[in-house]
Amino acid sequence: MDAVPHVSFLTDYGLADGFVAACHGVLLRRGVRALDITHLIDPGDVRRGAAVLAQTVRYLPVPVHLAVVDPGVGTSRRGIVLVTPGGLLVGPDNGLLAPATAVLGGVRAAVALVARPGVPATFHGRDVFAPAAAELATGTSPETLGERVDPAGLVQLPPVLARVRAADAPAAELEAEVVLVDRFGNVQLAATGDLLADVGLVPGGRAEVLTSAAGAPLRIPVGVTFGSVGTGELVLYVDSAGMAAFAVRDGAAASRLGLAPGDVVTLRAS
């Protein structure tokens, strides 16, 4: 990155309105530029925003991460700055930032932001979070932006399901929740690649897959990438984030399997 301070920026604002541009303008007026992660999180989808943020921040060479997926804007929910060994996070205290803090080394301190008198209640991304991110990116100490609070009181998202049952092979099976469906229709599960291996699901093998939408278990290959199978075929693999995932080569696994975030899949070696 060049010498101009940067922050990363993720929202559910979309691109049809001026919301993102307004926040960019607030940053630029303070000499700070934004490295956009995405602004196409589904409106109010805090869990998806949290997952995308957590899977991206480790690759971004910026010290401050600004994230706003904020269905509680204008309510009693807090604005927050989180201090971690790997950087600072700014956004609503609604669970959005929590997974990213784990990636960045854990929360060392938390500061509740204080909104200036007269700030509109409905656009804290522009009026509270972007100014705070700009201040932090230009060297302001987090403690000057608000009141220190106990990190133990931060809002956490409900845990996602990823567990091994009956771990004594060959009966072991893995239950995992769908976390993300990307724009290609690939389906990411909450289970890591290590959990796949724990139940004997390794490249070259086959997986028995049971979903609520399927009347009977499917049997599909376990591969390394989309090219491990032929065109139109399903594959179970470990994706670039190190998580178990389904793909269809040149197709969409989500529609093929009838899966969406929050659905639960059962896997076992076949």
C-alpha atoms as a PDB file:
ATOM      1  CA  MET A   1       0.000   0.000   0.000  1.00  0.00           C
ATOM      2  CA  ASP A   2       1.158   3.604  -0.516  1.00  0.00           C
ATOM      3  CA  ALA A   3       1.717   6.179   2.208  1.00  0.00           C
ATOM      4  CA  VAL A   4      -1.940   7.285   2.233  1.00  0.00           C
ATOM      5  CA  PRO A   5      -3.775   5.704   5.209  1.00  0.00           C
ATOM      6  CA  HIS A   6      -6.268   3.009   4.226  1.00  0.00           C
ATOM      7  CA  VAL A   7      -9.104   1.190   5.948  1.00  0.00           C
ATOM      8  CA  SER A   8     -10.924  -1.877   4.722  1.00  0.00           C
ATOM      9  CA  PHE A   9     -14.668  -1.452   4.249  1.00  0.00           C
ATOM     10  CA  LEU A  10     -17.551  -3.959   4.261  1.00  0.00           C
ATOM     11  CA  THR A  11     -21.290  -3.208   4.315  1.00  0.00           C
ATOM     12  CA  ASP A  12     -24.732  -4.333   3.192  1.00  0.00           C
ATOM     13  CA  TYR A  13     -25.372  -0.930   1.566  1.00  0.00           C
ATOM     14  CA  GLY A  14     -25.422  -2.214  -2.015  1.00  0.00           C
ATOM     15  CA  LEU A  15     -24.354  -0.177  -5.028  1.00  0.00           C
ATOM     16  CA  ALA A  16     -27.649   1.305  -6.209  1.00  0.00           C
ATOM     17  CA  ASP A  17     -27.651   4.240  -3.774  1.00  0.00           C
ATOM     18  CA  GLY A  18     -25.122   6.788  -2.564  1.00  0.00           C
ATOM     19  CA  PHE A  19     -24.472   5.239   0.850  1.00  0.00           C
ATOM     20  CA  VAL A  20     -21.047   3.789   0.033  1.00  0.00           C
ATOM     21  CA  ALA A  21     -19.940   6.959  -1.757  1.00  0.00           C
ATOM     22  CA  ALA A  22     -20.962   9.083   1.234  1.00  0.00           C
ATOM     23  CA  CYS A  23     -18.802   6.981   3.539  1.00  0.00           C
ATOM     24  CA  HIS A  24     -15.907   7.136   1.076  1.00  0.00           C
ATOM     25  CA  GLY A  25     -16.306  10.898   1.069  1.00  0.00           C
ATOM     26  CA  VAL A  26     -16.142  11.104   4.854  1.00  0.00           C
ATOM     27  CA  LEU A  27     -12.925   9.089   4.791  1.00  0.00           C
ATOM     28  CA  LEU A  28     -11.373  11.057   1.936  1.00  0.00           C
ATOM     29  CA  ARG A  29     -12.081  14.394   3.626  1.00  0.00           C
ATOM     30  CA  ARG A  30      -9.849  13.102   6.423  1.00  0.00           C
ATOM     31  CA  GLY A  31      -7.148  11.896   4.053  1.00  0.00           C
ATOM     32  CA  VAL A  32      -8.063   8.201   4.264  1.00  0.00           C
ATOM     33  CA  ARG A  33      -8.908   5.805   1.453  1.00  0.00           C
ATOM     34  CA  ALA A  34     -11.023   2.654   1.564  1.00  0.00           C
ATOM     35  CA  LEU A  35     -10.131  -0.820   0.391  1.00  0.00           C
ATOM     36  CA  ASP A  36     -13.582  -2.227  -0.343  1.00  0.00           C
ATOM     37  CA  ILE A  37     -14.233  -5.831   0.671  1.00  0.00           C
ATOM     38  CA  THR A  38     -17.862  -5.924  -0.470  1.00  0.00           C
ATOM     39  CA  HIS A  39     -21.029  -3.895  -0.176  1.00  0.00           C
ATOM     40  CA  LEU A  40     -23.279  -6.689  -1.421  1.00  0.00           C
ATOM     41  CA  ILE A  41     -23.970  -8.496   1.839  1.00  0.00           C
ATOM     42  CA  ASP A  42     -27.699  -9.209   1.906  1.00  0.00           C
ATOM     43  CA  PRO A  43     -29.477  -6.456   3.872  1.00  0.00           C
ATOM     44  CA  GLY A  44     -29.199  -7.096   7.612  1.00  0.00           C
ATOM     45  CA  ASP A  45     -27.400 -10.436   7.181  1.00  0.00           C
ATOM     46  CA  VAL A  46     -25.001 -10.041  10.100  1.00  0.00           C
ATOM     47  CA  ARG A  47     -23.887 -13.675  10.028  1.00  0.00           C
ATOM     48  CA  ARG A  48     -22.830 -13.543   6.388  1.00  0.00           C
ATOM     49  CA  GLY A  49     -21.082 -10.215   6.892  1.00  0.00           C
ATOM     50  CA  ALA A  50     -19.215 -11.639   9.864  1.00  0.00           C
ATOM     51  CA  ALA A  51     -18.100 -14.695   7.903  1.00  0.00           C
ATOM     52  CA  VAL A  52     -16.913 -12.709   4.889  1.00  0.00           C
ATOM     53  CA  LEU A  53     -15.062 -10.235   7.109  1.00  0.00           C
ATOM     54  CA  ALA A  54     -13.372 -12.965   9.140  1.00  0.00           C
ATOM     55  CA  GLN A  55     -12.245 -14.852   6.040  1.00  0.00           C
ATOM     56  CA  THR A  56     -10.796 -11.717   4.426  1.00  0.00           C
ATOM     57  CA  VAL A  57      -9.105  -9.547   7.064  1.00  0.00           C
ATOM     58  CA  ARG A  58      -5.934 -11.626   7.381  1.00  0.00           C
ATOM     59  CA  TYR A  59      -5.035 -10.835   3.766  1.00  0.00           C
ATOM     60  CA  LEU A  60      -5.528  -7.067   3.965  1.00  0.00           C
ATOM     61  CA  PRO A  61      -2.451  -4.896   4.649  1.00  0.00           C
ATOM     62  CA  VAL A  62      -4.416  -2.201   6.461  1.00  0.00           C
ATOM     63  CA  PRO A  63      -4.516  -1.395  10.197  1.00  0.00           C
ATOM     64  CA  VAL A  64      -8.239  -0.561  10.479  1.00  0.00           C
ATOM     65  CA  HIS A  65     -11.274  -2.532   9.366  1.00  0.00           C
ATOM     66  CA  LEU A  66     -14.640  -0.763   9.040  1.00  0.00           C
ATOM     67  CA  ALA A  67     -17.692  -3.034   8.825  1.00  0.00           C
ATOM     68  CA  VAL A  68     -21.347  -1.997   8.881  1.00  0.00           C
ATOM     69  CA  VAL A  69     -24.184  -4.514   8.708  1.00  0.00           C
ATOM     70  CA  ASP A  70     -26.418  -2.847  11.202  1.00  0.00           C
ATOM     71  CA  PRO A  71     -30.117  -3.723  11.366  1.00  0.00           C
ATOM     72  CA  GLY A  72     -30.152  -2.266  14.904  1.00  0.00           C
ATOM     73  CA  VAL A  73     -29.030   1.222  13.876  1.00  0.00           C
ATOM     74  CA  GLY A  74     -30.797   3.858  15.945  1.00  0.00           C
ATOM     75  CA  THR A  75     -31.501   1.463  18.814  1.00  0.00           C
ATOM     76  CA  SER A  76     -29.601   0.919  22.038  1.00  0.00           C
ATOM     77  CA  ARG A  77     -26.966  -1.255  20.349  1.00  0.00           C
ATOM     78  CA  ARG A  78     -23.460   0.132  20.844  1.00  0.00           C
ATOM     79  CA  GLY A  79     -20.956   1.310  18.319  1.00  0.00           C
ATOM     80  CA  ILE A  80     -17.601  -0.247  19.114  1.00  0.00           C
ATOM     81  CA  VAL A  81     -13.870  -0.156  18.431  1.00  0.00           C
ATOM     82  CA  LEU A  82     -12.075  -3.448  19.057  1.00  0.00           C
ATOM     83  CA  VAL A  83      -8.322  -3.533  19.561  1.00  0.00           C
ATOM     84  CA  THR A  84      -6.549  -6.745  18.492  1.00  0.00           C
ATOM     85  CA  PRO A  85      -2.911  -7.692  17.885  1.00  0.00           C
ATOM     86  CA  GLY A  86      -3.644  -7.692  14.150  1.00  0.00           C
ATOM     87  CA  GLY A  87      -5.509  -4.413  13.842  1.00  0.00           C
ATOM     88  CA  LEU A  88      -8.523  -2.348  14.854  1.00  0.00           C
ATOM     89  CA  LEU A  89     -12.145  -3.091  13.988  1.00  0.00           C
ATOM     90  CA  VAL A  90     -14.938  -0.506  13.899  1.00  0.00           C
ATOM     91  CA  GLY A  91     -18.657  -1.159  13.630  1.00  0.00           C
ATOM     92  CA  PRO A  92     -21.814  -2.095  15.515  1.00  0.00           C
ATOM     93  CA  ASP A  93     -21.645  -4.333  18.568  1.00  0.00           C
ATOM     94  CA  ASN A  94     -24.016  -6.954  17.152  1.00  0.00           C
ATOM     95  CA  GLY A  95     -21.662  -9.894  16.571  1.00  0.00           C
ATOM     96  CA  LEU A  96     -20.484  -8.676  13.161  1.00  0.00           C
ATOM     97  CA  LEU A  97     -16.896  -8.056  14.275  1.00  0.00           C
ATOM     98  CA  ALA A  98     -16.456 -10.965  16.673  1.00  0.00           C
ATOM     99  CA  PRO A  99     -15.277 -13.723  14.275  1.00  0.00           C
ATOM    100  CA  ALA A 100     -12.710 -11.377  12.731  1.00  0.00           C
ATOM    101  CA  THR A 101     -11.252 -10.595  16.149  1.00  0.00           C
ATOM    102  CA  ALA A 102     -10.417 -14.278  16.583  1.00  0.00           C
ATOM    103  CA  VAL A 103      -8.563 -14.249  13.250  1.00  0.00           C
ATOM    104  CA  LEU A 104      -6.630 -11.139  14.289  1.00  0.00           C
ATOM    105  CA  GLY A 105      -5.499 -12.544  17.628  1.00  0.00           C
ATOM    106  CA  GLY A 106      -8.345 -11.821  20.038  1.00  0.00           C
ATOM    107  CA  VAL A 107      -9.703  -8.688  21.685  1.00  0.00           C
ATOM    108  CA  ARG A 108      -7.233  -6.802  23.847  1.00  0.00           C
ATOM    109  CA  ALA A 109      -9.487  -3.815  24.523  1.00  0.00           C
ATOM    110  CA  ALA A 110     -12.913  -2.515  23.552  1.00  0.00           C
ATOM    111  CA  VAL A 111     -14.117   1.078  23.351  1.00  0.00           C
ATOM    112  CA  ALA A 112     -17.784   2.057  23.036  1.00  0.00           C
ATOM    113  CA  LEU A 113     -18.083   4.950  20.594  1.00  0.00           C
ATOM    114  CA  VAL A 114     -19.795   8.147  21.662  1.00  0.00           C
ATOM    115  CA  ALA A 115     -21.996   9.713  18.967  1.00  0.00           C
ATOM    116  CA  ARG A 116     -21.830  13.484  18.732  1.00  0.00           C
ATOM    117  CA  PRO A 117     -24.986  15.404  19.676  1.00  0.00           C
ATOM    118  CA  GLY A 118     -27.279  15.891  16.707  1.00  0.00           C
ATOM    119  CA  VAL A 119     -25.961  12.900  14.716  1.00  0.00           C
ATOM    120  CA  PRO A 120     -28.838  11.358  12.695  1.00  0.00           C
ATOM    121  CA  ALA A 121     -30.014   8.044  14.097  1.00  0.00           C
ATOM    122  CA  THR A 122     -30.181   6.120  10.831  1.00  0.00           C
ATOM    123  CA  PHE A 123     -26.785   6.447   9.124  1.00  0.00           C
ATOM    124  CA  HIS A 124     -24.117   5.630  11.673  1.00  0.00           C
ATOM    125  CA  GLY A 125     -21.901   4.190   8.938  1.00  0.00           C
ATOM    126  CA  ARG A 126     -21.416   7.711   7.587  1.00  0.00           C
ATOM    127  CA  ASP A 127     -21.780   9.725  10.773  1.00  0.00           C
ATOM    128  CA  VAL A 128     -20.176   7.567  13.492  1.00  0.00           C
ATOM    129  CA  PHE A 129     -18.216   4.592  12.166  1.00  0.00           C
ATOM    130  CA  ALA A 130     -16.469   6.125   9.127  1.00  0.00           C
ATOM    131  CA  PRO A 131     -15.237   9.175  11.100  1.00  0.00           C
ATOM    132  CA  ALA A 132     -13.971   6.884  13.865  1.00  0.00           C
ATOM    133  CA  ALA A 133     -12.191   4.635  11.361  1.00  0.00           C
ATOM    134  CA  ALA A 134     -10.552   7.668   9.762  1.00  0.00           C
ATOM    135  CA  GLU A 135      -9.372   8.947  13.132  1.00  0.00           C
ATOM    136  CA  LEU A 136      -7.877   5.568  13.967  1.00  0.00           C
ATOM    137  CA  ALA A 137      -6.187   5.238  10.574  1.00  0.00           C
ATOM    138  CA  THR A 138      -4.479   8.602  11.069  1.00  0.00           C
ATOM    139  CA  GLY A 139      -3.129   7.707  14.482  1.00  0.00           C
ATOM    140  CA  THR A 140      -5.784   8.657  17.017  1.00  0.00           C
ATOM    141  CA  SER A 141      -5.850   6.423  20.073  1.00  0.00           C
ATOM    142  CA  PRO A 142      -9.057   4.362  20.433  1.00  0.00           C
ATOM    143  CA  GLU A 143      -9.466   5.497  24.061  1.00  0.00           C
ATOM    144  CA  THR A 144     -10.025   9.088  22.927  1.00  0.00           C
ATOM    145  CA  LEU A 145     -13.113   8.094  20.894  1.00  0.00           C
ATOM    146  CA  GLY A 146     -15.253   6.775  23.725  1.00  0.00           C
ATOM    147  CA  GLU A 147     -15.409   4.771  26.916  1.00  0.00           C
ATOM    148  CA  ARG A 148     -13.541   1.542  27.553  1.00  0.00           C
ATOM    149  CA  VAL A 149     -15.864  -1.404  28.127  1.00  0.00           C
ATOM    150  CA  ASP A 150     -15.397  -5.002  29.222  1.00  0.00           C
ATOM    151  CA  PRO A 151     -14.795  -7.231  26.164  1.00  0.00           C
ATOM    152  CA  ALA A 152     -16.627 -10.017  27.987  1.00  0.00           C
ATOM    153  CA  GLY A 153     -19.852  -8.100  27.393  1.00  0.00           C
ATOM    154  CA  LEU A 154     -19.512  -7.923  23.609  1.00  0.00           C
ATOM    155  CA  VAL A 155     -22.352  -9.391  21.572  1.00  0.00           C
ATOM    156  CA  GLN A 156     -21.550 -12.780  20.056  1.00  0.00           C
ATOM    157  CA  LEU A 157     -23.332 -14.552  17.224  1.00  0.00           C
ATOM    158  CA  PRO A 158     -24.913 -17.922  18.046  1.00  0.00           C
ATOM    159  CA  PRO A 159     -22.379 -20.676  17.380  1.00  0.00           C
ATOM    160  CA  VAL A 160     -22.594 -22.555  14.096  1.00  0.00           C
ATOM    161  CA  LEU A 161     -22.894 -26.325  14.175  1.00  0.00           C
ATOM    162  CA  ALA A 162     -19.857 -28.447  13.346  1.00  0.00           C
ATOM    163  CA  ARG A 163     -19.498 -31.677  15.296  1.00  0.00           C
ATOM    164  CA  VAL A 164     -18.367 -35.253  14.899  1.00  0.00           C
ATOM    165  CA  ARG A 165     -20.750 -37.903  16.166  1.00  0.00           C
ATOM    166  CA  ALA A 166     -19.892 -41.535  16.948  1.00  0.00           C
ATOM    167  CA  ALA A 167     -16.241 -40.854  16.340  1.00  0.00           C
ATOM    168  CA  ASP A 168     -15.259 -44.529  16.410  1.00  0.00           C
ATOM    169  CA  ALA A 169     -14.678 -45.329  12.714  1.00  0.00           C
ATOM    170  CA  PRO A 170     -16.219 -46.488  10.461  1.00  0.00           C
ATOM    171  CA  ALA A 171     -19.443 -45.133  11.966  1.00  0.00           C
ATOM    172  CA  ALA A 172     -18.173 -41.597  12.445  1.00  0.00           C
ATOM    173  CA  GLU A 173     -20.203 -38.849  10.837  1.00  0.00           C
ATOM    174  CA  LEU A 174     -19.929 -35.109  10.654  1.00  0.00           C
ATOM    175  CA  GLU A 175     -22.818 -32.690  11.136  1.00  0.00           C
ATOM    176  CA  ALA A 176     -22.136 -29.207   9.819  1.00  0.00           C
ATOM    177  CA  GLU A 177     -24.148 -26.071   9.200  1.00  0.00           C
ATOM    178  CA  VAL A 178     -24.049 -24.180   5.917  1.00  0.00           C
ATOM    179  CA  VAL A 179     -22.286 -20.860   6.528  1.00  0.00           C
ATOM    180  CA  LEU A 180     -21.961 -19.265   3.092  1.00  0.00           C
ATOM    181  CA  VAL A 181     -23.198 -19.677  -0.442  1.00  0.00           C
ATOM    182  CA  ASP A 182     -21.018 -17.644  -2.811  1.00  0.00           C
ATOM    183  CA  ARG A 183     -22.036 -16.097  -6.137  1.00  0.00           C
ATOM    184  CA  PHE A 184     -20.890 -19.237  -7.972  1.00  0.00           C
ATOM    185  CA  GLY A 185     -23.226 -21.412  -5.921  1.00  0.00           C
ATOM    186  CA  ASN A 186     -20.429 -23.053  -3.941  1.00  0.00           C
ATOM    187  CA  VAL A 187     -21.594 -24.099  -0.464  1.00  0.00           C
ATOM    188  CA  GLN A 188     -19.247 -23.546   2.482  1.00  0.00           C
ATOM    189  CA  LEU A 189     -19.816 -25.509   5.685  1.00  0.00           C
ATOM    190  CA  ALA A 190     -18.852 -24.634   9.254  1.00  0.00           C
ATOM    191  CA  ALA A 191     -16.546 -27.668   9.392  1.00  0.00           C
ATOM    192  CA  THR A 192     -12.819 -27.322   8.800  1.00  0.00           C
ATOM    193  CA  GLY A 193     -10.833 -29.552   6.501  1.00  0.00           C
ATOM    194  CA  ASP A 194      -9.369 -31.231   9.571  1.00  0.00           C
ATOM    195  CA  LEU A 195     -12.847 -32.320  10.661  1.00  0.00           C
ATOM    196  CA  LEU A 196     -13.410 -33.885   7.248  1.00  0.00           C
ATOM    197  CA  ALA A 197     -10.222 -35.883   7.670  1.00  0.00           C
ATOM    198  CA  ASP A 198     -11.282 -36.927  11.183  1.00  0.00           C
ATOM    199  CA  VAL A 199     -14.239 -38.830   9.703  1.00  0.00           C
ATOM    200  CA  GLY A 200     -12.230 -40.318   6.856  1.00  0.00           C
ATOM    201  CA  LEU A 201     -13.287 -37.867   4.145  1.00  0.00           C
ATOM    202  CA  VAL A 202     -10.079 -37.306   2.191  1.00  0.00           C
ATOM    203  CA  PRO A 203      -9.354 -36.712  -1.512  1.00  0.00           C
ATOM    204  CA  GLY A 204      -9.820 -39.865  -3.533  1.00  0.00           C
ATOM    205  CA  GLY A 205     -12.608 -41.136  -1.296  1.00  0.00           C
ATOM    206  CA  ARG A 206     -16.347 -40.757  -1.486  1.00  0.00           C
ATOM    207  CA  ALA A 207     -18.785 -39.040   0.839  1.00  0.00           C
ATOM    208  CA  GLU A 208     -22.340 -39.935   1.739  1.00  0.00           C
ATOM    209  CA  VAL A 209     -24.264 -36.675   2.051  1.00  0.00           C
ATOM    210  CA  LEU A 210     -27.619 -36.303   3.748  1.00  0.00           C
ATOM    211  CA  THR A 211     -29.572 -33.037   3.608  1.00  0.00           C
ATOM    212  CA  SER A 212     -33.087 -32.133   4.658  1.00  0.00           C
ATOM    213  CA  ALA A 213     -33.963 -31.490   1.016  1.00  0.00           C
ATOM    214  CA  ALA A 214     -32.803 -34.913  -0.184  1.00  0.00           C
ATOM    215  CA  GLY A 215     -34.992 -37.961   0.154  1.00  0.00           C
ATOM    216  CA  ALA A 216     -31.993 -40.289   0.279  1.00  0.00           C
ATOM    217  CA  PRO A 217     -28.259 -39.887   0.861  1.00  0.00           C
ATOM    218  CA  LEU A 218     -26.161 -38.739  -2.090  1.00  0.00           C
ATOM    219  CA  ARG A 219     -22.753 -40.268  -2.750  1.00  0.00           C
ATOM    220  CA  ILE A 220     -20.216 -37.872  -4.195  1.00  0.00           C
ATOM    221  CA  PRO A 221     -16.443 -37.767  -4.660  1.00  0.00           C
ATOM    222  CA  VAL A 222     -14.074 -36.041  -2.250  1.00  0.00           C
ATOM    223  CA  GLY A 223     -11.634 -33.991  -4.313  1.00  0.00           C
ATOM    224  CA  VAL A 224      -9.076 -31.232  -4.148  1.00  0.00           C
ATOM    225  CA  THR A 225     -10.707 -28.732  -6.482  1.00  0.00           C
ATOM    226  CA  PHE A 226     -13.548 -28.321  -8.992  1.00  0.00           C
ATOM    227  CA  GLY A 227     -11.437 -30.063 -11.626  1.00  0.00           C
ATOM    228  CA  SER A 228     -11.375 -33.245  -9.553  1.00  0.00           C
ATOM    229  CA  VAL A 229     -14.699 -34.185 -11.203  1.00  0.00           C
ATOM    230  CA  GLY A 230     -16.280 -33.947 -14.625  1.00  0.00           C
ATOM    231  CA  THR A 231     -18.487 -31.129 -15.885  1.00  0.00           C
ATOM    232  CA  GLY A 232     -21.771 -30.991 -13.998  1.00  0.00           C
ATOM    233  CA  GLU A 233     -20.618 -33.287 -11.197  1.00  0.00           C
ATOM    234  CA  LEU A 234     -20.705 -32.565  -7.461  1.00  0.00           C
ATOM    235  CA  VAL A 235     -17.556 -32.621  -5.352  1.00  0.00           C
ATOM    236  CA  LEU A 236     -16.764 -32.202  -1.643  1.00  0.00           C
ATOM    237  CA  TYR A 237     -13.480 -30.386  -1.091  1.00  0.00           C
ATOM    238  CA  VAL A 238     -11.596 -28.031   1.253  1.00  0.00           C
ATOM    239  CA  ASP A 239     -11.948 -24.454  -0.004  1.00  0.00           C
ATOM    240  CA  SER A 240      -9.487 -21.550   0.039  1.00  0.00           C
ATOM    241  CA  ALA A 241     -10.550 -20.621   3.587  1.00  0.00           C
ATOM    242  CA  GLY A 242      -9.753 -24.130   4.824  1.00  0.00           C
ATOM    243  CA  MET A 243     -13.425 -25.056   5.196  1.00  0.00           C
ATOM    244  CA  ALA A 244     -15.402 -28.016   3.885  1.00  0.00           C
ATOM    245  CA  ALA A 245     -17.409 -27.062   0.812  1.00  0.00           C
ATOM    246  CA  PHE A 246     -19.525 -28.421  -2.017  1.00  0.00           C
ATOM    247  CA  ALA A 247     -19.148 -27.385  -5.632  1.00  0.00           C
ATOM    248  CA  VAL A 248     -20.483 -28.421  -9.001  1.00  0.00           C
ATOM    249  CA  ARG A 249     -17.988 -28.139 -11.810  1.00  0.00           C
ATOM    250  CA  ASP A 250     -19.356 -25.453 -14.127  1.00  0.00           C
ATOM    251  CA  GLY A 251     -22.549 -25.329 -12.073  1.00  0.00           C
ATOM    252  CA  ALA A 252     -24.104 -24.309  -8.756  1.00  0.00           C
ATOM    253  CA  ALA A 253     -23.969 -26.722  -5.818  1.00  0.00           C
ATOM    254  CA  ALA A 254     -26.456 -24.728  -3.726  1.00  0.00           C
ATOM    255  CA  SER A 255     -29.294 -25.193  -6.213  1.00  0.00           C
ATOM    256  CA  ARG A 256     -28.322 -28.789  -6.932  1.00  0.00           C
ATOM    257  CA  LEU A 257     -28.401 -29.701  -3.236  1.00  0.00           C
ATOM    258  CA  GLY A 258     -31.192 -27.318  -2.218  1.00  0.00           C
ATOM    259  CA  LEU A 259     -28.997 -25.743   0.467  1.00  0.00           C
ATOM    260  CA  ALA A 260     -28.984 -22.284   2.040  1.00  0.00           C
ATOM    261  CA  PRO A 261     -27.175 -20.737   5.036  1.00  0.00           C
ATOM    262  CA  GLY A 262     -28.402 -22.273   8.267  1.00  0.00           C
ATOM    263  CA  ASP A 263     -29.195 -25.677   6.765  1.00  0.00           C
ATOM    264  CA  VAL A 264     -27.473 -28.684   8.350  1.00  0.00           C
ATOM    265  CA  VAL A 265     -25.682 -31.390   6.370  1.00  0.00           C
ATOM    266  CA  THR A 266     -24.613 -34.826   7.605  1.00  0.00           C
ATOM    267  CA  LEU A 267     -21.478 -36.356   6.055  1.00  0.00           C
ATOM    268  CA  ARG A 268     -19.866 -39.760   6.396  1.00  0.00           C
ATOM    269  CA  ALA A 269     -17.314 -41.769   4.463  1.00  0.00           C
ATOM    270  CA  SER A 270     -18.892 -44.058   1.897  1.00  0.00           C
END
